[in-house]
Each structure stands twice: as C-alpha cells, then as structure tokens.
C-alpha atoms as a PDB file:
ATOM      1  CA  MET A   1     147.298  98.086 132.918  1.00  0.00           C
ATOM      2  CA  ALA A   2     144.164  95.954 132.527  1.00  0.00           C
ATOM      3  CA  ALA A   3     141.431  97.198 130.219  1.00  0.00           C
ATOM      4  CA  ILE A   4     138.210  98.274 131.901  1.00  0.00           C
ATOM      5  CA  PRO A   5     135.196  96.156 130.900  1.00  0.00           C
ATOM      6  CA  THR A   6     132.432  98.213 129.357  1.00  0.00           C
ATOM      7  CA  ALA A   7     128.843  97.111 128.768  1.00  0.00           C
ATOM      8  CA  ARG A   8     126.400  98.629 126.310  1.00  0.00           C
ATOM      9  CA  VAL A   9     122.670  97.997 126.131  1.00  0.00           C
ATOM     10  CA  GLU A  10     120.749  99.026 123.020  1.00  0.00           C
ATOM     11  CA  ALA A  11     116.989  98.959 123.461  1.00  0.00           C
ATOM     12  CA  GLY A  12     113.928 100.174 121.597  1.00  0.00           C
ATOM     13  CA  SER A  13     110.527 101.648 122.401  1.00  0.00           C
ATOM     14  CA  ARG A  14     107.444  99.723 123.436  1.00  0.00           C
ATOM     15  CA  LEU A  15     104.357 100.541 121.389  1.00  0.00           C
ATOM     16  CA  HIS A  16     101.287  99.576 123.403  1.00  0.00           C
ATOM     17  CA  ALA A  17      98.484  97.934 121.440  1.00  0.00           C
ATOM     18  CA  GLY A  18      95.895  97.667 124.213  1.00  0.00           C
ATOM     19  CA  PHE A  19      94.524  95.517 127.017  1.00  0.00           C
ATOM     20  CA  TYR A  20      92.299  92.474 127.319  1.00  0.00           C
ATOM     21  CA  HIS A  21      90.426  90.936 130.272  1.00  0.00           C
ATOM     22  CA  ALA A  22      92.595  88.144 131.693  1.00  0.00           C
ATOM     23  CA  GLY A  23      89.960  86.716 134.061  1.00  0.00           C
ATOM     24  CA  PRO A  24      88.210  87.424 137.387  1.00  0.00           C
ATOM     25  CA  GLY A  25      89.265  86.450 140.887  1.00  0.00           C
ATOM     26  CA  ARG A  26      91.919  89.082 141.637  1.00  0.00           C
ATOM     27  CA  PRO A  27      91.726  92.802 142.468  1.00  0.00           C
ATOM     28  CA  TYR A  28      92.600  93.567 138.849  1.00  0.00           C
ATOM     29  CA  SER A  29      93.620  91.284 136.031  1.00  0.00           C
ATOM     30  CA  TRP A  30      94.883  92.904 132.871  1.00  0.00           C
ATOM     31  CA  GLY A  31      96.535  91.293 129.907  1.00  0.00           C
ATOM     32  CA  SER A  32      98.436  93.632 127.586  1.00  0.00           C
ATOM     33  CA  ALA A  33      99.816  93.518 124.054  1.00  0.00           C
ATOM     34  CA  GLY A  34     102.495  95.518 122.321  1.00  0.00           C
ATOM     35  CA  PHE A  35     105.280  95.812 119.762  1.00  0.00           C
ATOM     36  CA  TYR A  36     108.995  96.549 120.019  1.00  0.00           C
ATOM     37  CA  SER A  37     110.146  99.384 117.773  1.00  0.00           C
ATOM     38  CA  SER A  38     113.722 100.219 116.760  1.00  0.00           C
ATOM     39  CA  ARG A  39     113.023 103.947 117.242  1.00  0.00           C
ATOM     40  CA  PRO A  40     113.082 106.029 119.339  1.00  0.00           C
ATOM     41  CA  ARG A  41     116.193 104.223 120.590  1.00  0.00           C
ATOM     42  CA  LEU A  42     117.706 103.874 124.055  1.00  0.00           C
ATOM     43  CA  VAL A  43     121.454 103.332 124.535  1.00  0.00           C
ATOM     44  CA  VAL A  44     122.990 102.847 127.990  1.00  0.00           C
ATOM     45  CA  GLU A  45     126.674 102.258 128.706  1.00  0.00           C
ATOM     46  CA  ALA A  46     128.242 101.181 132.014  1.00  0.00           C
ATOM     47  CA  ARG A  47     131.686 100.442 133.436  1.00  0.00           C
ATOM     48  CA  PRO A  48     133.011  99.685 136.923  1.00  0.00           C
ATOM     49  CA  CYS A  49     133.839 102.702 139.110  1.00  0.00           C
ATOM     50  CA  PRO A  50     135.134 101.260 142.406  1.00  0.00           C
ATOM     51  CA  GLY A  51     133.959 103.222 145.403  1.00  0.00           C
ATOM     52  CA  GLU A  52     131.396 105.392 143.622  1.00  0.00           C
ATOM     53  CA  THR A  53     128.252 105.335 141.525  1.00  0.00           C
ATOM     54  CA  VAL A  54     127.784 107.914 138.792  1.00  0.00           C
ATOM     55  CA  VAL A  55     124.730 108.198 136.541  1.00  0.00           C
ATOM     56  CA  GLU A  56     124.785 110.653 133.638  1.00  0.00           C
ATOM     57  CA  GLY A  57     122.065 111.538 131.160  1.00  0.00           C
ATOM     58  CA  PRO A  58     118.771 113.440 130.910  1.00  0.00           C
ATOM     59  CA  ARG A  59     117.587 114.238 134.438  1.00  0.00           C
ATOM     60  CA  ASP A  60     114.326 112.251 134.386  1.00  0.00           C
ATOM     61  CA  HIS A  61     115.924 109.159 132.886  1.00  0.00           C
ATOM     62  CA  ALA A  62     118.999 109.418 135.130  1.00  0.00           C
ATOM     63  CA  SER A  63     116.806 109.388 138.244  1.00  0.00           C
ATOM     64  CA  VAL A  64     114.997 106.279 136.968  1.00  0.00           C
ATOM     65  CA  ALA A  65     118.313 104.556 136.259  1.00  0.00           C
ATOM     66  CA  ARG A  66     119.714 105.445 139.683  1.00  0.00           C
ATOM     67  CA  ARG A  67     116.626 104.047 141.423  1.00  0.00           C
ATOM     68  CA  ALA A  68     117.025 100.813 139.460  1.00  0.00           C
ATOM     69  CA  LEU A  69     120.655 100.432 140.557  1.00  0.00           C
ATOM     70  CA  GLU A  70     119.724 101.145 144.168  1.00  0.00           C
ATOM     71  CA  ALA A  71     116.845  98.649 144.106  1.00  0.00           C
ATOM     72  CA  LEU A  72     119.210  95.889 142.971  1.00  0.00           C
ATOM     73  CA  GLY A  73     122.057  96.927 145.253  1.00  0.00           C
ATOM     74  CA  LEU A  74     124.358  97.649 142.319  1.00  0.00           C
ATOM     75  CA  GLY A  75     127.051 100.112 143.332  1.00  0.00           C
ATOM     76  CA  GLY A  76     130.486 101.051 142.083  1.00  0.00           C
ATOM     77  CA  VAL A  77     129.391 101.655 138.519  1.00  0.00           C
ATOM     78  CA  CYS A  78     129.573 104.601 136.120  1.00  0.00           C
ATOM     79  CA  LEU A  79     126.520 104.601 133.889  1.00  0.00           C
ATOM     80  CA  SER A  80     125.736 106.900 130.970  1.00  0.00           C
ATOM     81  CA  ILE A  81     122.465 107.249 129.065  1.00  0.00           C
ATOM     82  CA  VAL A  82     123.770 107.984 125.574  1.00  0.00           C
ATOM     83  CA  GLU A  83     120.455 108.038 123.681  1.00  0.00           C
ATOM     84  CA  SER A  84     116.902 108.004 124.986  1.00  0.00           C
ATOM     85  CA  MET A  85     113.242 108.291 124.093  1.00  0.00           C
ATOM     86  CA  PRO A  86     110.878 110.988 125.444  1.00  0.00           C
ATOM     87  CA  ARG A  87     109.687 110.385 129.009  1.00  0.00           C
ATOM     88  CA  HIS A  88     105.984 109.690 129.723  1.00  0.00           C
ATOM     89  CA  ALA A  89     105.183 109.781 126.003  1.00  0.00           C
ATOM     90  CA  GLY A  90     103.580 106.328 125.798  1.00  0.00           C
ATOM     91  CA  LEU A  91     106.781 104.551 124.743  1.00  0.00           C
ATOM     92  CA  GLY A  92     107.455 102.609 127.941  1.00  0.00           C
ATOM     93  CA  SER A  93     110.484 104.694 128.883  1.00  0.00           C
ATOM     94  CA  THR A  94     110.478 103.891 132.617  1.00  0.00           C
ATOM     95  CA  THR A  95     110.571 100.138 132.057  1.00  0.00           C
ATOM     96  CA  GLN A  96     113.102 100.363 129.234  1.00  0.00           C
ATOM     97  CA  VAL A  97     115.474 102.670 131.149  1.00  0.00           C
ATOM     98  CA  SER A  98     115.153 100.655 134.376  1.00  0.00           C
ATOM     99  CA  LEU A  99     115.900  97.335 132.691  1.00  0.00           C
ATOM    100  CA  ALA A 100     118.648  98.731 130.446  1.00  0.00           C
ATOM    101  CA  ALA A 101     120.418 100.351 133.399  1.00  0.00           C
ATOM    102  CA  ALA A 102     120.166  97.195 135.496  1.00  0.00           C
ATOM    103  CA  CYS A 103     121.383  94.923 132.707  1.00  0.00           C
ATOM    104  CA  ALA A 104     124.256  97.213 131.704  1.00  0.00           C
ATOM    105  CA  ALA A 105     125.445  97.493 135.312  1.00  0.00           C
ATOM    106  CA  ARG A 106     125.193  93.744 135.925  1.00  0.00           C
ATOM    107  CA  ALA A 107     127.167  93.033 132.770  1.00  0.00           C
ATOM    108  CA  ALA A 108     129.851  95.632 133.546  1.00  0.00           C
ATOM    109  CA  LEU A 109     130.308  94.202 137.041  1.00  0.00           C
ATOM    110  CA  GLY A 110     130.746  90.686 135.671  1.00  0.00           C
ATOM    111  CA  MET A 111     127.459  89.441 137.090  1.00  0.00           C
ATOM    112  CA  GLY A 112     126.103  88.405 133.707  1.00  0.00           C
ATOM    113  CA  GLY A 113     123.740  90.647 131.832  1.00  0.00           C
ATOM    114  CA  CYS A 114     120.101  89.681 131.551  1.00  0.00           C
ATOM    115  CA  SER A 115     119.252  86.688 129.402  1.00  0.00           C
ATOM    116  CA  PRO A 116     115.705  86.792 128.016  1.00  0.00           C
ATOM    117  CA  GLY A 117     114.584  84.231 130.578  1.00  0.00           C
ATOM    118  CA  GLU A 118     116.003  86.291 133.462  1.00  0.00           C
ATOM    119  CA  VAL A 119     114.449  89.629 132.538  1.00  0.00           C
ATOM    120  CA  ALA A 120     111.066  88.952 134.206  1.00  0.00           C
ATOM    121  CA  GLY A 121     112.789  88.286 137.531  1.00  0.00           C
ATOM    122  CA  VAL A 122     114.830  91.484 137.244  1.00  0.00           C
ATOM    123  CA  ALA A 123     111.669  93.400 136.369  1.00  0.00           C
ATOM    124  CA  ARG A 124     109.880  91.968 139.397  1.00  0.00           C
ATOM    125  CA  ARG A 125     112.682  93.146 141.701  1.00  0.00           C
ATOM    126  CA  LEU A 126     112.443  96.586 140.092  1.00  0.00           C
ATOM    127  CA  GLY A 127     108.668  96.726 140.490  1.00  0.00           C
ATOM    128  CA  ARG A 128     108.094  96.746 136.738  1.00  0.00           C
ATOM    129  CA  GLY A 129     105.306  94.885 134.942  1.00  0.00           C
ATOM    130  CA  ARG A 130     102.840  95.115 137.820  1.00  0.00           C
ATOM    131  CA  VAL A 131      99.912  96.169 135.626  1.00  0.00           C
ATOM    132  CA  SER A 132     101.241  95.693 132.075  1.00  0.00           C
ATOM    133  CA  GLY A 133     103.936  93.240 131.102  1.00  0.00           C
ATOM    134  CA  ALA A 134     104.236  94.197 127.431  1.00  0.00           C
ATOM    135  CA  GLY A 135     107.246  96.492 127.968  1.00  0.00           C
ATOM    136  CA  THR A 136     109.179  93.918 129.988  1.00  0.00           C
ATOM    137  CA  LEU A 137     108.486  91.142 127.480  1.00  0.00           C
ATOM    138  CA  ALA A 138     109.360  93.408 124.555  1.00  0.00           C
ATOM    139  CA  PHE A 139     112.727  94.211 126.180  1.00  0.00           C
ATOM    140  CA  ALA A 140     113.383  90.494 126.680  1.00  0.00           C
ATOM    141  CA  TYR A 141     112.098  89.021 123.415  1.00  0.00           C
ATOM    142  CA  GLY A 142     111.196  91.784 120.967  1.00  0.00           C
ATOM    143  CA  GLY A 143     108.598  91.457 118.223  1.00  0.00           C
ATOM    144  CA  PHE A 144     104.886  91.310 119.077  1.00  0.00           C
ATOM    145  CA  VAL A 145     104.155  90.227 122.637  1.00  0.00           C
ATOM    146  CA  VAL A 146     101.098  89.505 124.763  1.00  0.00           C
ATOM    147  CA  ASP A 147     101.475  88.949 128.489  1.00  0.00           C
ATOM    148  CA  ALA A 148      99.492  86.328 130.398  1.00  0.00           C
ATOM    149  CA  GLY A 149      97.935  88.840 132.759  1.00  0.00           C
ATOM    150  CA  ALA A 150      98.939  91.042 135.665  1.00  0.00           C
ATOM    151  CA  PRO A 151      99.606  91.106 138.519  1.00  0.00           C
ATOM    152  CA  ASP A 152     101.808  88.009 138.500  1.00  0.00           C
ATOM    153  CA  PRO A 153     104.072  87.329 141.507  1.00  0.00           C
ATOM    154  CA  GLY A 154     106.778  85.859 139.266  1.00  0.00           C
ATOM    155  CA  GLY A 155     106.870  88.830 136.899  1.00  0.00           C
ATOM    156  CA  PRO A 156     105.359  89.124 133.406  1.00  0.00           C
ATOM    157  CA  ARG A 157     104.953  85.869 131.480  1.00  0.00           C
ATOM    158  CA  PRO A 158     104.443  85.601 127.709  1.00  0.00           C
ATOM    159  CA  LEU A 159     101.178  84.293 126.331  1.00  0.00           C
ATOM    160  CA  VAL A 160     102.073  85.127 122.706  1.00  0.00           C
ATOM    161  CA  ARG A 161     105.409  86.102 121.168  1.00  0.00           C
ATOM    162  CA  LEU A 162     105.689  86.564 117.392  1.00  0.00           C
ATOM    163  CA  ASP A 163     108.195  88.027 114.948  1.00  0.00           C
ATOM    164  CA  VAL A 164     106.815  91.056 113.124  1.00  0.00           C
ATOM    165  CA  PRO A 165     107.283  90.754 109.320  1.00  0.00           C
ATOM    166  CA  ARG A 166     110.566  92.363 108.317  1.00  0.00           C
ATOM    167  CA  ASP A 167     108.984  94.507 105.600  1.00  0.00           C
ATOM    168  CA  TRP A 168     106.474  96.101 107.998  1.00  0.00           C
ATOM    169  CA  ARG A 169     107.182  99.520 109.440  1.00  0.00           C
ATOM    170  CA  PHE A 170     105.854 101.569 112.342  1.00  0.00           C
ATOM    171  CA  VAL A 171     105.053 105.217 111.637  1.00  0.00           C
ATOM    172  CA  ILE A 172     105.062 106.945 115.019  1.00  0.00           C
ATOM    173  CA  VAL A 173     103.567 110.393 115.671  1.00  0.00           C
ATOM    174  CA  LEU A 174     105.080 112.299 118.602  1.00  0.00           C
ATOM    175  CA  PRO A 175     103.029 115.518 118.876  1.00  0.00           C
ATOM    176  CA  LYS A 176     104.161 118.277 121.208  1.00  0.00           C
ATOM    177  CA  LEU A 177     101.354 117.844 123.689  1.00  0.00           C
ATOM    178  CA  GLU A 178     101.035 117.187 127.404  1.00  0.00           C
ATOM    179  CA  ARG A 179     102.927 114.139 128.619  1.00  0.00           C
ATOM    180  CA  GLY A 180     101.072 110.985 129.580  1.00  0.00           C
ATOM    181  CA  LEU A 181     100.314 109.810 133.098  1.00  0.00           C
ATOM    182  CA  GLY A 182     103.119 109.466 135.614  1.00  0.00           C
ATOM    183  CA  GLU A 183     103.805 106.272 137.536  1.00  0.00           C
ATOM    184  CA  ALA A 184     101.721 107.096 140.615  1.00  0.00           C
ATOM    185  CA  GLU A 185      98.702 108.278 138.600  1.00  0.00           C
ATOM    186  CA  GLU A 186      98.806 105.247 136.321  1.00  0.00           C
ATOM    187  CA  GLU A 187      99.088 102.740 139.166  1.00  0.00           C
ATOM    188  CA  ALA A 188      96.221 104.358 141.063  1.00  0.00           C
ATOM    189  CA  LEU A 189      93.986 104.132 138.003  1.00  0.00           C
ATOM    190  CA  LEU A 190      94.957 100.611 136.934  1.00  0.00           C
ATOM    191  CA  SER A 191      94.742  99.108 140.418  1.00  0.00           C
ATOM    192  CA  ARG A 192      90.980  99.623 140.493  1.00  0.00           C
ATOM    193  CA  PRO A 193      88.813  96.516 140.043  1.00  0.00           C
ATOM    194  CA  TRP A 194      88.503  95.532 136.386  1.00  0.00           C
ATOM    195  CA  ARG A 195      84.875  95.820 135.272  1.00  0.00           C
ATOM    196  CA  PRO A 196      84.756  96.176 131.479  1.00  0.00           C
ATOM    197  CA  SER A 197      81.430  96.294 129.710  1.00  0.00           C
ATOM    198  CA  LEU A 198      80.538  93.250 127.642  1.00  0.00           C
ATOM    199  CA  GLU A 199      81.063  95.289 124.454  1.00  0.00           C
ATOM    200  CA  ALA A 200      84.500  96.523 125.534  1.00  0.00           C
ATOM    201  CA  GLU A 201      85.510  93.018 126.610  1.00  0.00           C
ATOM    202  CA  ARG A 202      84.361  91.571 123.272  1.00  0.00           C
ATOM    203  CA  LEU A 203      86.213  94.197 121.235  1.00  0.00           C
ATOM    204  CA  MET A 204      89.433  93.644 123.175  1.00  0.00           C
ATOM    205  CA  ALA A 205      89.281  89.849 122.855  1.00  0.00           C
ATOM    206  CA  VAL A 206      88.347  89.808 119.164  1.00  0.00           C
ATOM    207  CA  GLY A 207      90.825  92.568 118.395  1.00  0.00           C
ATOM    208  CA  LEU A 208      93.676  90.767 120.143  1.00  0.00           C
ATOM    209  CA  LEU A 209      93.029  87.534 118.241  1.00  0.00           C
ATOM    210  CA  ARG A 210      92.787  89.308 114.880  1.00  0.00           C
ATOM    211  CA  LEU A 211      95.909  91.352 115.595  1.00  0.00           C
ATOM    212  CA  ALA A 212      97.935  88.277 116.589  1.00  0.00           C
ATOM    213  CA  ALA A 213      96.650  86.291 113.609  1.00  0.00           C
ATOM    214  CA  GLY A 214      97.517  89.136 111.244  1.00  0.00           C
ATOM    215  CA  VAL A 215     101.063  89.360 112.595  1.00  0.00           C
ATOM    216  CA  ALA A 216     101.515  85.573 112.462  1.00  0.00           C
ATOM    217  CA  ARG A 217     100.268  85.348 108.856  1.00  0.00           C
ATOM    218  CA  GLY A 218     101.887  88.548 107.642  1.00  0.00           C
ATOM    219  CA  ASP A 219      98.418  89.891 106.794  1.00  0.00           C
ATOM    220  CA  LEU A 220      98.711  93.638 107.385  1.00  0.00           C
ATOM    221  CA  GLY A 221      95.037  94.352 106.706  1.00  0.00           C
ATOM    222  CA  GLU A 222      93.932  91.810 109.316  1.00  0.00           C
ATOM    223  CA  ALA A 223      96.479  93.111 111.811  1.00  0.00           C
ATOM    224  CA  LEU A 224      95.218  96.680 111.384  1.00  0.00           C
ATOM    225  CA  GLU A 225      91.599  95.603 111.831  1.00  0.00           C
ATOM    226  CA  GLY A 226      92.610  93.779 115.002  1.00  0.00           C
ATOM    227  CA  LEU A 227      94.548  96.817 116.222  1.00  0.00           C
ATOM    228  CA  ARG A 228      91.538  99.033 115.526  1.00  0.00           C
ATOM    229  CA  ALA A 229      89.256  96.729 117.567  1.00  0.00           C
ATOM    230  CA  ILE A 230      91.496  96.240 120.616  1.00  0.00           C
ATOM    231  CA  GLN A 231      92.132  99.989 120.663  1.00  0.00           C
ATOM    232  CA  LEU A 232      88.406 100.694 120.538  1.00  0.00           C
ATOM    233  CA  GLY A 233      87.693  98.280 123.388  1.00  0.00           C
ATOM    234  CA  THR A 234      90.539  99.658 125.498  1.00  0.00           C
ATOM    235  CA  GLY A 235      89.533 103.225 124.685  1.00  0.00           C
ATOM    236  CA  LEU A 236      85.910 102.573 125.660  1.00  0.00           C
ATOM    237  CA  TYR A 237      87.029 101.255 129.037  1.00  0.00           C
ATOM    238  CA  PHE A 238      89.209 104.305 129.752  1.00  0.00           C
ATOM    239  CA  SER A 239      86.992 106.863 128.003  1.00  0.00           C
ATOM    240  CA  GLY A 240      85.689 108.279 131.278  1.00  0.00           C
ATOM    241  CA  HIS A 241      89.232 109.056 132.352  1.00  0.00           C
ATOM    242  CA  GLN A 242      90.810 110.263 129.100  1.00  0.00           C
ATOM    243  CA  GLY A 243      87.825 111.997 127.534  1.00  0.00           C
ATOM    244  CA  GLY A 244      86.992 109.563 124.727  1.00  0.00           C
ATOM    245  CA  VAL A 245      88.232 106.498 122.892  1.00  0.00           C
ATOM    246  CA  TYR A 246      91.425 108.516 122.323  1.00  0.00           C
ATOM    247  CA  ARG A 247      92.894 110.985 124.768  1.00  0.00           C
ATOM    248  CA  GLY A 248      90.982 114.226 124.297  1.00  0.00           C
ATOM    249  CA  ASP A 249      93.801 116.201 122.688  1.00  0.00           C
ATOM    250  CA  LEU A 250      94.648 113.313 120.336  1.00  0.00           C
ATOM    251  CA  GLN A 251      91.173 112.776 118.893  1.00  0.00           C
ATOM    252  CA  ALA A 252      91.559 115.363 116.130  1.00  0.00           C
ATOM    253  CA  ILE A 253      94.809 113.759 114.902  1.00  0.00           C
ATOM    254  CA  ALA A 254      93.303 110.274 114.928  1.00  0.00           C
ATOM    255  CA  GLY A 255      90.119 111.486 113.250  1.00  0.00           C
ATOM    256  CA  GLU A 256      91.962 113.225 110.394  1.00  0.00           C
ATOM    257  CA  ALA A 257      94.144 110.148 109.907  1.00  0.00           C
ATOM    258  CA  ALA A 258      91.057 107.901 109.761  1.00  0.00           C
ATOM    259  CA  ARG A 259      89.454 110.156 107.147  1.00  0.00           C
ATOM    260  CA  ASN A 260      92.572 109.588 105.052  1.00  0.00           C
ATOM    261  CA  GLY A 261      92.479 105.812 105.516  1.00  0.00           C
ATOM    262  CA  VAL A 262      95.175 105.519 108.206  1.00  0.00           C
ATOM    263  CA  VAL A 263      94.481 103.579 111.419  1.00  0.00           C
ATOM    264  CA  LEU A 264      96.225 105.298 114.333  1.00  0.00           C
ATOM    265  CA  ALA A 265      96.682 103.554 117.671  1.00  0.00           C
ATOM    266  CA  GLN A 266      97.257 105.424 120.920  1.00  0.00           C
ATOM    267  CA  SER A 267     100.276 103.956 122.696  1.00  0.00           C
ATOM    268  CA  SER A 268      99.448 103.717 126.394  1.00  0.00           C
ATOM    269  CA  TRP A 269      98.431 107.194 127.649  1.00  0.00           C
ATOM    270  CA  GLY A 270     100.039 108.998 124.723  1.00  0.00           C
ATOM    271  CA  PRO A 271     100.753 111.412 123.316  1.00  0.00           C
ATOM    272  CA  ALA A 272     102.503 108.897 121.028  1.00  0.00           C
ATOM    273  CA  LEU A 273     100.310 107.533 118.237  1.00  0.00           C
ATOM    274  CA  TYR A 274     101.329 104.978 115.632  1.00  0.00           C
ATOM    275  CA  THR A 275     100.233 102.964 112.648  1.00  0.00           C
ATOM    276  CA  ILE A 276     101.647  99.849 110.991  1.00  0.00           C
ATOM    277  CA  THR A 277     102.401  99.896 107.283  1.00  0.00           C
ATOM    278  CA  THR A 278     104.829  98.464 104.737  1.00  0.00           C
ATOM    279  CA  ARG A 279     108.336  99.558 103.840  1.00  0.00           C
ATOM    280  CA  ASP A 280     107.070 100.945 100.507  1.00  0.00           C
ATOM    281  CA  MET A 281     104.176 102.900 102.048  1.00  0.00           C
ATOM    282  CA  ALA A 282     105.865 104.157 105.210  1.00  0.00           C
ATOM    283  CA  TRP A 283     107.297 107.441 103.939  1.00  0.00           C
ATOM    284  CA  GLY A 284     104.049 108.395 102.230  1.00  0.00           C
ATOM    285  CA  ASP A 285     102.112 107.718 105.437  1.00  0.00           C
ATOM    286  CA  ALA A 286     104.681 109.727 107.385  1.00  0.00           C
ATOM    287  CA  ALA A 287     104.284 112.699 105.016  1.00  0.00           C
ATOM    288  CA  LEU A 288     100.495 112.532 105.425  1.00  0.00           C
ATOM    289  CA  LEU A 289     100.739 112.479 109.206  1.00  0.00           C
ATOM    290  CA  ARG A 290     103.194 115.392 109.206  1.00  0.00           C
ATOM    291  CA  SER A 291     100.736 117.374 107.107  1.00  0.00           C
ATOM    292  CA  ILE A 292      97.935 116.571 109.582  1.00  0.00           C
ATOM    293  CA  LEU A 293     100.040 117.889 112.471  1.00  0.00           C
ATOM    294  CA  SER A 294     100.745 121.035 110.472  1.00  0.00           C
ATOM    295  CA  GLU A 295      97.081 121.560 109.531  1.00  0.00           C
ATOM    296  CA  LEU A 296      96.089 121.226 113.183  1.00  0.00           C
ATOM    297  CA  GLY A 297      98.761 123.715 114.206  1.00  0.00           C
ATOM    298  CA  LEU A 298     100.668 121.164 116.245  1.00  0.00           C
ATOM    299  CA  GLY A 299     104.406 120.764 116.561  1.00  0.00           C
ATOM    300  CA  GLY A 300     106.132 117.428 116.918  1.00  0.00           C
ATOM    301  CA  GLU A 301     107.776 114.798 114.795  1.00  0.00           C
ATOM    302  CA  VAL A 302     106.893 111.682 112.838  1.00  0.00           C
ATOM    303  CA  VAL A 303     109.283 108.740 112.989  1.00  0.00           C
ATOM    304  CA  VAL A 304     109.532 105.726 110.677  1.00  0.00           C
ATOM    305  CA  ALA A 305     110.884 102.671 112.499  1.00  0.00           C
ATOM    306  CA  GLU A 306     111.592  99.015 111.846  1.00  0.00           C
ATOM    307  CA  PRO A 307     110.260  96.249 114.085  1.00  0.00           C
ATOM    308  CA  LEU A 308     112.812  95.014 116.603  1.00  0.00           C
ATOM    309  CA  ASN A 309     112.419  91.252 116.732  1.00  0.00           C
ATOM    310  CA  GLY A 310     115.296  90.317 119.016  1.00  0.00           C
ATOM    311  CA  GLY A 311     114.739  92.322 122.171  1.00  0.00           C
ATOM    312  CA  ALA A 312     117.374  94.552 123.724  1.00  0.00           C
ATOM    313  CA  GLY A 313     121.003  93.928 122.759  1.00  0.00           C
ATOM    314  CA  ILE A 314     123.680  93.576 125.456  1.00  0.00           C
ATOM    315  CA  LEU A 315     127.315  93.858 124.398  1.00  0.00           C
ATOM    316  CA  VAL A 316     130.375  93.599 126.610  1.00  0.00           C
ATOM    317  CA  GLY A 317     133.980  94.405 125.727  1.00  0.00           C
ATOM    318  CA  GLU A 318     137.226  95.578 127.285  1.00  0.00           C
ATOM    319  CA  GLY A 319     138.269  99.130 126.662  1.00  0.00           C
ATOM    320  CA  GLY A 320     135.342  99.582 124.322  1.00  0.00           C
ATOM    321  CA  ILE A 321     132.150  97.997 123.036  1.00  0.00           C
ATOM    322  CA  GLU A 322     132.668  94.779 121.203  1.00  0.00           C
ATOM    323  CA  GLY A 323     131.731  91.155 121.398  1.00  0.00           C
ATOM    324  CA  GLU A 324     128.246  89.787 120.932  1.00  0.00           C
ATOM    325  CA  GLY A 325     124.951  90.284 122.676  1.00  0.00           C
ATOM    326  CA  HIS A 326     122.533  87.628 123.826  1.00  0.00           C
ATOM    327  CA  GLU A 327     120.380  88.016 120.736  1.00  0.00           C
ATOM    328  CA  GLU A 328     120.450  88.936 117.096  1.00  0.00           C
ATOM    329  CA  ARG A 329     119.466  92.457 116.198  1.00  0.00           C
ATOM    330  CA  GLU A 330     117.493  93.277 113.086  1.00  0.00           C
ATOM    331  CA  GLY A 331     118.181  96.107 110.699  1.00  0.00           C
END
C-alpha cells in the first residue's frame, strides 16, 4: 500500500511596524513595513483525501483556511491547523493562515508548494496584500520587509528585505483586550484616500529609513528610534479612528513601558504590542512588561520570540513529515 504524502507548513507571526506614503495618483497608496517572528507559531498539515475536503482546527482559523482552498479550487484534501496564533490580535493571522493552508494543500496534492517568488501570486488570488503587503512578504522571505506600496495588481512586491540580527529578540505583549479590526472594517478604513499631514508623512519616512538602517547595521538603538518615529507617524494618521497615537485601551501599557525606558510598538490594530531587544535583555524586559500588565489589572501573556529570517517552512514527506523545505529555518 502506497504511503500517503503529507505536507506541513510552519509559519510565524507578522509584527507590523507601520506605514509610509508610497506616492499619489491612486485611490490609496500605502507602503508597509514589518518583521517575521517565530512566535506565536502557526502549523498547518495537509494530506490528500480523494472525494472530500476536511478542515480541522479553531473555528475562526478553519473558516479562513476553507475559504482559501475554495478560492484556489483546491479540493480533495484533509487539512489540520495544529498550532495557531490569536485571531485579529495584530499578528497577521488571516494572511498567515490563508497562505499556509494554500501552500500545504498545493504541496500535498503534488502541485508544488509555494516558492518565495510564487507567494505574491498566490496571495493575489486569495485577495491578500491589498492594503498592506508586509504579511505576505514576511511569509515568503522572513526577516524585516518593506513592501513597494499597495494596491499592486501583481501582488505585494518587496522594496526592502533584510535579515534581522540573530541575537535580537522580540518581546510581544498580548493583553486580554478587545480584538483588533476585522477584515471588512479594516478594508473600509484603509481604502479611503491617503491624505497624511506633512508631519505624519515626515515621521513615517524618516522612521522607516532609520529602522531599516538600524536593522541593516545591527544597531538596535537606531532601529528602536526608527520604530518609535514610524509608529508615531502612523499613529498620528489613525489617531482620529483609534483614539490616539496608540489604540485607546493600549495607551496606558505603552506609557508605563516608555516611563521605564522600553519602546513599545502597536502591531497593526492591536492589541498586540512589541519591542525589540537583545537575547541578554529579553527576559528582563518581559518581566517588566508582565509587571506592567499586573499593575494595570490586565490579563494576558508576554512572549519572547526569535526573528524568523527564512519565511515559512514547507516540508513534504510520505507517511509523515520529513524532507526539506524551500528555505532554511532559524533557531
């Protein structure tokens, strides 16, 4: 009896750094930046199931995965979401689950997985990356990514892609607060004409350059100053919608962190917040942030994660998971 081919996709979380103005001339023209984090992790497994399609996992994620399979016309597959990140928490879960499900199913059905160069086309067919390409590019390439602006009819294209220094760590705060915007709400907001103030536009542009330069040089202080600036510019632009530079219910956490010398970035619409630090400092920063949550009477967790510089990993084997993916995984 022939062994059944099984495909496994291991992906990370997208940490959004902010937006920049990618130029006039279209209804909206955003450029976005972000990092790929090893945690929270997403693991999707798939195998052929002739005559049926079965999707198992947390309800919200399973519905996203099923829609991805239907959009690509991928049937006759049994797919299981083994591990996942919180939904609508600012970690790019919809894009990560959609792409992971599509790539796992394609690989299990012998159609080839998703090479880094093919991911943008898959994302376009899935309707991902219409207003921010950072999550798609992070899935494909990992590291620190900046897209060339959205919307783009060919799917997200990289403007910058850099490895994050191996001794840097992300400390991610996941407070138990209201989830971020859903897909429909986000698209309605981001499809409005882009009219940033000159100050917001300047902060985003300067912040992006300083952040990219800091990552490229391994200069953590410069990277944090850049992250602070692009976050401020992005927050100013959306302040009328979210109640301030940070989402209203996140301002106290960010303020207490700042008073203790920690720069916290809001990832997308939150509630996820994160900072970048070193391997040696990460656990101390995590303890501080846990104490801030406790002092504010908030539940939640604080996660220490490594940068993921290789994008999502796709492995295919027979009767189990083995073989090699299309990239090298760190950690």
